[in-house]
Amino acid sequence: MKAKVNGRVRELAEGATVATVVALLGTPPSGVAVALDGEVVPRAAWDSTAVPEGGAVEVLTAVQGG
């Protein structure tokens, strides 16, 4: 199935979850926020939240700066 991840269309396995997408991107385990179709997904729900066909996932990481 296809979904948009951080603005780029990607092919994902059927039944892919938010946790699957985060792992696919290799993001760090902390300082990460995820939105699915414009709605923030709590970390506790990542494993159980399926990404729908054509869904839009935004994975954001916190960056320190000065």
PDB file of N, CA and C in Angstrom:
ATOM      1  N   MET A   1       0.834  -1.175   0.000  1.00  0.00           N
ATOM      2  CA  MET A   1       0.000   0.000   0.000  1.00  0.00           C
ATOM      3  C   MET A   1       0.884   1.246   0.000  1.00  0.00           C
ATOM      4  N   LYS A   2       0.328   2.352  -0.418  1.00  0.00           N
ATOM      5  CA  LYS A   2       1.092   3.592  -0.469  1.00  0.00           C
ATOM      6  C   LYS A   2       0.559   4.583   0.559  1.00  0.00           C
ATOM      7  N   ALA A   3       1.490   5.284   1.175  1.00  0.00           N
ATOM      8  CA  ALA A   3       1.163   6.341   2.130  1.00  0.00           C
ATOM      9  C   ALA A   3       2.222   7.420   1.994  1.00  0.00           C
ATOM     10  N   LYS A   4       1.862   8.612   2.374  1.00  0.00           N
ATOM     11  CA  LYS A   4       2.811   9.718   2.322  1.00  0.00           C
ATOM     12  C   LYS A   4       3.492   9.820   3.686  1.00  0.00           C
ATOM     13  N   VAL A   5       4.821   9.749   3.681  1.00  0.00           N
ATOM     14  CA  VAL A   5       5.609   9.829   4.914  1.00  0.00           C
ATOM     15  C   VAL A   5       6.544  11.024   4.790  1.00  0.00           C
ATOM     16  N   ASN A   6       6.333  11.998   5.651  1.00  0.00           N
ATOM     17  CA  ASN A   6       7.115  13.236   5.624  1.00  0.00           C
ATOM     18  C   ASN A   6       7.146  13.848   4.211  1.00  0.00           C
ATOM     19  N   GLY A   7       5.974  13.831   3.565  1.00  0.00           N
ATOM     20  CA  GLY A   7       5.836  14.484   2.268  1.00  0.00           C
ATOM     21  C   GLY A   7       6.240  13.653   1.072  1.00  0.00           C
ATOM     22  N   ARG A   8       6.697  12.427   1.319  1.00  0.00           N
ATOM     23  CA  ARG A   8       7.162  11.561   0.227  1.00  0.00           C
ATOM     24  C   ARG A   8       6.322  10.290   0.186  1.00  0.00           C
ATOM     25  N   VAL A   9       5.839   9.918  -0.982  1.00  0.00           N
ATOM     26  CA  VAL A   9       5.051   8.699  -1.107  1.00  0.00           C
ATOM     27  C   VAL A   9       5.972   7.494  -0.946  1.00  0.00           C
ATOM     28  N   ARG A  10       5.550   6.594  -0.060  1.00  0.00           N
ATOM     29  CA  ARG A  10       6.329   5.378   0.197  1.00  0.00           C
ATOM     30  C   ARG A  10       5.420   4.162   0.103  1.00  0.00           C
ATOM     31  N   GLU A  11       6.019   3.067  -0.248  1.00  0.00           N
ATOM     32  CA  GLU A  11       5.320   1.784  -0.269  1.00  0.00           C
ATOM     33  C   GLU A  11       5.493   1.156   1.108  1.00  0.00           C
ATOM     34  N   LEU A  12       4.376   0.844   1.762  1.00  0.00           N
ATOM     35  CA  LEU A  12       4.405   0.214   3.082  1.00  0.00           C
ATOM     36  C   LEU A  12       3.695  -1.131   3.004  1.00  0.00           C
ATOM     37  N   ALA A  13       4.042  -2.026   3.895  1.00  0.00           N
ATOM     38  CA  ALA A  13       3.369  -3.324   3.972  1.00  0.00           C
ATOM     39  C   ALA A  13       1.940  -3.132   4.458  1.00  0.00           C
ATOM     40  N   GLU A  14       1.047  -3.982   3.990  1.00  0.00           N
ATOM     41  CA  GLU A  14      -0.324  -3.954   4.493  1.00  0.00           C
ATOM     42  C   GLU A  14      -0.298  -4.101   6.007  1.00  0.00           C
ATOM     43  N   GLY A  15      -1.120  -3.337   6.693  1.00  0.00           N
ATOM     44  CA  GLY A  15      -1.175  -3.413   8.142  1.00  0.00           C
ATOM     45  C   GLY A  15      -0.068  -2.657   8.854  1.00  0.00           C
ATOM     46  N   ALA A  16       0.703  -1.865   8.112  1.00  0.00           N
ATOM     47  CA  ALA A  16       1.779  -1.089   8.737  1.00  0.00           C
ATOM     48  C   ALA A  16       1.193  -0.152   9.797  1.00  0.00           C
ATOM     49  N   THR A  17       1.915  -0.021  10.889  1.00  0.00           N
ATOM     50  CA  THR A  17       1.481   0.855  11.967  1.00  0.00           C
ATOM     51  C   THR A  17       2.384   2.087  12.033  1.00  0.00           C
ATOM     52  N   VAL A  18       2.009   3.005  12.882  1.00  0.00           N
ATOM     53  CA  VAL A  18       2.849   4.186  13.104  1.00  0.00           C
ATOM     54  C   VAL A  18       4.227   3.739  13.590  1.00  0.00           C
ATOM     55  N   ALA A  19       4.275   2.744  14.470  1.00  0.00           N
ATOM     56  CA  ALA A  19       5.565   2.237  14.969  1.00  0.00           C
ATOM     57  C   ALA A  19       6.411   1.693  13.826  1.00  0.00           C
ATOM     58  N   THR A  20       5.780   1.047  12.859  1.00  0.00           N
ATOM     59  CA  THR A  20       6.490   0.522  11.696  1.00  0.00           C
ATOM     60  C   THR A  20       7.156   1.654  10.919  1.00  0.00           C
ATOM     61  N   VAL A  21       6.430   2.735  10.724  1.00  0.00           N
ATOM     62  CA  VAL A  21       6.958   3.881   9.974  1.00  0.00           C
ATOM     63  C   VAL A  21       8.114   4.528  10.725  1.00  0.00           C
ATOM     64  N   VAL A  22       7.969   4.694  12.028  1.00  0.00           N
ATOM     65  CA  VAL A  22       9.042   5.281  12.829  1.00  0.00           C
ATOM     66  C   VAL A  22      10.302   4.421  12.726  1.00  0.00           C
ATOM     67  N   ALA A  23      10.150   3.105  12.806  1.00  0.00           N
ATOM     68  CA  ALA A  23      11.295   2.201  12.689  1.00  0.00           C
ATOM     69  C   ALA A  23      11.899   2.265  11.287  1.00  0.00           C
ATOM     70  N   LEU A  24      11.049   2.346  10.276  1.00  0.00           N
ATOM     71  CA  LEU A  24      11.508   2.422   8.889  1.00  0.00           C
ATOM     72  C   LEU A  24      12.414   3.632   8.672  1.00  0.00           C
ATOM     73  N   LEU A  25      12.074   4.730   9.316  1.00  0.00           N
ATOM     74  CA  LEU A  25      12.857   5.954   9.162  1.00  0.00           C
ATOM     75  C   LEU A  25      14.120   5.955  10.017  1.00  0.00           C
ATOM     76  N   GLY A  26      14.214   5.023  10.963  1.00  0.00           N
ATOM     77  CA  GLY A  26      15.396   4.951  11.816  1.00  0.00           C
ATOM     78  C   GLY A  26      15.513   6.135  12.761  1.00  0.00           C
ATOM     79  N   THR A  27      14.377   6.657  13.190  1.00  0.00           N
ATOM     80  CA  THR A  27      14.400   7.807  14.087  1.00  0.00           C
ATOM     81  C   THR A  27      14.857   7.394  15.483  1.00  0.00           C
ATOM     82  N   PRO A  28      15.411   8.330  16.230  1.00  0.00           N
ATOM     83  CA  PRO A  28      15.868   8.021  17.588  1.00  0.00           C
ATOM     84  C   PRO A  28      14.686   7.664  18.488  1.00  0.00           C
ATOM     85  N   PRO A  29      14.941   6.918  19.563  1.00  0.00           N
ATOM     86  CA  PRO A  29      13.853   6.466  20.422  1.00  0.00           C
ATOM     87  C   PRO A  29      13.199   7.568  21.269  1.00  0.00           C
ATOM     88  N   SER A  30      13.830   8.702  21.396  1.00  0.00           N
ATOM     89  CA  SER A  30      13.220   9.773  22.200  1.00  0.00           C
ATOM     90  C   SER A  30      13.184  11.067  21.401  1.00  0.00           C
ATOM     91  N   GLY A  31      12.363  11.983  21.847  1.00  0.00           N
ATOM     92  CA  GLY A  31      12.260  13.275  21.173  1.00  0.00           C
ATOM     93  C   GLY A  31      11.551  13.195  19.840  1.00  0.00           C
ATOM     94  N   VAL A  32      10.590  12.263  19.722  1.00  0.00           N
ATOM     95  CA  VAL A  32       9.887  12.057  18.460  1.00  0.00           C
ATOM     96  C   VAL A  32       8.391  12.286  18.666  1.00  0.00           C
ATOM     97  N   ALA A  33       7.759  12.957  17.718  1.00  0.00           N
ATOM     98  CA  ALA A  33       6.314  13.129  17.695  1.00  0.00           C
ATOM     99  C   ALA A  33       5.818  12.679  16.330  1.00  0.00           C
ATOM    100  N   VAL A  34       4.618  12.094  16.314  1.00  0.00           N
ATOM    101  CA  VAL A  34       4.052  11.591  15.061  1.00  0.00           C
ATOM    102  C   VAL A  34       2.623  12.091  14.910  1.00  0.00           C
ATOM    103  N   ALA A  35       2.305  12.516  13.682  1.00  0.00           N
ATOM    104  CA  ALA A  35       0.933  12.890  13.341  1.00  0.00           C
ATOM    105  C   ALA A  35       0.492  12.011  12.183  1.00  0.00           C
ATOM    106  N   LEU A  36      -0.738  11.555  12.246  1.00  0.00           N
ATOM    107  CA  LEU A  36      -1.338  10.761  11.182  1.00  0.00           C
ATOM    108  C   LEU A  36      -2.547  11.519  10.684  1.00  0.00           C
ATOM    109  N   ASP A  37      -2.503  11.904   9.417  1.00  0.00           N
ATOM    110  CA  ASP A  37      -3.573  12.703   8.808  1.00  0.00           C
ATOM    111  C   ASP A  37      -3.900  13.940   9.649  1.00  0.00           C
ATOM    112  N   GLY A  38      -2.851  14.584  10.150  1.00  0.00           N
ATOM    113  CA  GLY A  38      -3.002  15.847  10.876  1.00  0.00           C
ATOM    114  C   GLY A  38      -3.328  15.723  12.348  1.00  0.00           C
ATOM    115  N   GLU A  39      -3.474  14.504  12.857  1.00  0.00           N
ATOM    116  CA  GLU A  39      -3.793  14.289  14.269  1.00  0.00           C
ATOM    117  C   GLU A  39      -2.593  13.652  14.969  1.00  0.00           C
ATOM    118  N   VAL A  40      -2.183  14.224  16.109  1.00  0.00           N
ATOM    119  CA  VAL A  40      -1.065  13.671  16.873  1.00  0.00           C
ATOM    120  C   VAL A  40      -1.444  12.292  17.387  1.00  0.00           C
ATOM    121  N   VAL A  41      -0.516  11.344  17.248  1.00  0.00           N
ATOM    122  CA  VAL A  41      -0.724   9.981  17.745  1.00  0.00           C
ATOM    123  C   VAL A  41       0.124   9.816  18.996  1.00  0.00           C
ATOM    124  N   PRO A  42      -0.503   9.573  20.157  1.00  0.00           N
ATOM    125  CA  PRO A  42       0.274   9.373  21.393  1.00  0.00           C
ATOM    126  C   PRO A  42       1.202   8.171  21.241  1.00  0.00           C
ATOM    127  N   ARG A  43       2.374   8.266  21.841  1.00  0.00           N
ATOM    128  CA  ARG A  43       3.369   7.190  21.744  1.00  0.00           C
ATOM    129  C   ARG A  43       2.772   5.840  22.160  1.00  0.00           C
ATOM    130  N   ALA A  44       1.941   5.827  23.164  1.00  0.00           N
ATOM    131  CA  ALA A  44       1.342   4.579  23.635  1.00  0.00           C
ATOM    132  C   ALA A  44       0.470   3.912  22.572  1.00  0.00           C
ATOM    133  N   ALA A  45       0.051   4.653  21.566  1.00  0.00           N
ATOM    134  CA  ALA A  45      -0.827   4.115  20.519  1.00  0.00           C
ATOM    135  C   ALA A  45      -0.086   3.788  19.219  1.00  0.00           C
ATOM    136  N   TRP A  46       1.219   4.004  19.170  1.00  0.00           N
ATOM    137  CA  TRP A  46       1.960   3.777  17.925  1.00  0.00           C
ATOM    138  C   TRP A  46       1.829   2.346  17.423  1.00  0.00           C
ATOM    139  N   ASP A  47       1.916   1.361  18.323  1.00  0.00           N
ATOM    140  CA  ASP A  47       1.867  -0.047  17.904  1.00  0.00           C
ATOM    141  C   ASP A  47       0.484  -0.468  17.416  1.00  0.00           C
ATOM    142  N   SER A  48      -0.535   0.214  17.874  1.00  0.00           N
ATOM    143  CA  SER A  48      -1.901  -0.198  17.531  1.00  0.00           C
ATOM    144  C   SER A  48      -2.575   0.705  16.500  1.00  0.00           C
ATOM    145  N   THR A  49      -1.890   1.751  16.055  1.00  0.00           N
ATOM    146  CA  THR A  49      -2.486   2.674  15.090  1.00  0.00           C
ATOM    147  C   THR A  49      -2.015   2.321  13.684  1.00  0.00           C
ATOM    148  N   ALA A  50      -2.945   1.795  12.890  1.00  0.00           N
ATOM    149  CA  ALA A  50      -2.627   1.406  11.513  1.00  0.00           C
ATOM    150  C   ALA A  50      -2.596   2.640  10.613  1.00  0.00           C
ATOM    151  N   VAL A  51      -1.696   2.613   9.652  1.00  0.00           N
ATOM    152  CA  VAL A  51      -1.616   3.676   8.650  1.00  0.00           C
ATOM    153  C   VAL A  51      -2.518   3.256   7.487  1.00  0.00           C
ATOM    154  N   PRO A  52      -3.515   4.072   7.156  1.00  0.00           N
ATOM    155  CA  PRO A  52      -4.416   3.694   6.068  1.00  0.00           C
ATOM    156  C   PRO A  52      -3.795   3.942   4.689  1.00  0.00           C
ATOM    157  N   GLU A  53      -4.305   3.257   3.695  1.00  0.00           N
ATOM    158  CA  GLU A  53      -3.907   3.495   2.306  1.00  0.00           C
ATOM    159  C   GLU A  53      -4.102   4.984   2.009  1.00  0.00           C
ATOM    160  N   GLY A  54      -3.061   5.624   1.495  1.00  0.00           N
ATOM    161  CA  GLY A  54      -3.135   7.041   1.164  1.00  0.00           C
ATOM    162  C   GLY A  54      -3.010   7.974   2.351  1.00  0.00           C
ATOM    163  N   GLY A  55      -2.752   7.421   3.529  1.00  0.00           N
ATOM    164  CA  GLY A  55      -2.618   8.244   4.726  1.00  0.00           C
ATOM    165  C   GLY A  55      -1.359   9.100   4.670  1.00  0.00           C
ATOM    166  N   ALA A  56      -1.355  10.139   5.500  1.00  0.00           N
ATOM    167  CA  ALA A  56      -0.200  11.045   5.568  1.00  0.00           C
ATOM    168  C   ALA A  56       0.383  10.986   6.976  1.00  0.00           C
ATOM    169  N   VAL A  57       1.630  10.546   7.068  1.00  0.00           N
ATOM    170  CA  VAL A  57       2.321  10.432   8.352  1.00  0.00           C
ATOM    171  C   VAL A  57       3.442  11.471   8.388  1.00  0.00           C
ATOM    172  N   GLU A  58       3.484  12.235   9.453  1.00  0.00           N
ATOM    173  CA  GLU A  58       4.575  13.195   9.666  1.00  0.00           C
ATOM    174  C   GLU A  58       5.310  12.760  10.928  1.00  0.00           C
ATOM    175  N   VAL A  59       6.596  12.501  10.791  1.00  0.00           N
ATOM    176  CA  VAL A  59       7.438  12.116  11.927  1.00  0.00           C
ATOM    177  C   VAL A  59       8.389  13.277  12.183  1.00  0.00           C
ATOM    178  N   LEU A  60       8.298  13.842  13.362  1.00  0.00           N
ATOM    179  CA  LEU A  60       9.087  15.011  13.728  1.00  0.00           C
ATOM    180  C   LEU A  60      10.021  14.665  14.869  1.00  0.00           C
ATOM    181  N   THR A  61      11.254  15.126  14.772  1.00  0.00           N
ATOM    182  CA  THR A  61      12.218  14.916  15.844  1.00  0.00           C
ATOM    183  C   THR A  61      12.633  16.258  16.430  1.00  0.00           C
ATOM    184  N   ALA A  62      12.820  16.258  17.733  1.00  0.00           N
ATOM    185  CA  ALA A  62      13.274  17.476  18.417  1.00  0.00           C
ATOM    186  C   ALA A  62      14.761  17.671  18.128  1.00  0.00           C
ATOM    187  N   VAL A  63      15.126  18.914  17.893  1.00  0.00           N
ATOM    188  CA  VAL A  63      16.522  19.248  17.604  1.00  0.00           C
ATOM    189  C   VAL A  63      16.952  20.345  18.549  1.00  0.00           C
ATOM    190  N   GLN A  64      18.102  20.145  19.192  1.00  0.00           N
ATOM    191  CA  GLN A  64      18.624  21.186  20.068  1.00  0.00           C
ATOM    192  C   GLN A  64      19.395  22.178  19.226  1.00  0.00           C
ATOM    193  N   GLY A  65      19.358  23.379  19.666  1.00  0.00           N
ATOM    194  CA  GLY A  65      20.119  24.407  18.942  1.00  0.00           C
ATOM    195  C   GLY A  65      20.309  25.613  19.836  1.00  0.00           C
ATOM    196  N   GLY A  66      20.981  26.556  19.294  1.00  0.00           N
ATOM    197  CA  GLY A  66      21.225  27.704  20.148  1.00  0.00           C
ATOM    198  C   GLY A  66      21.289  28.973  19.409  1.00  0.00           C
TER     199      GLY A  66
END
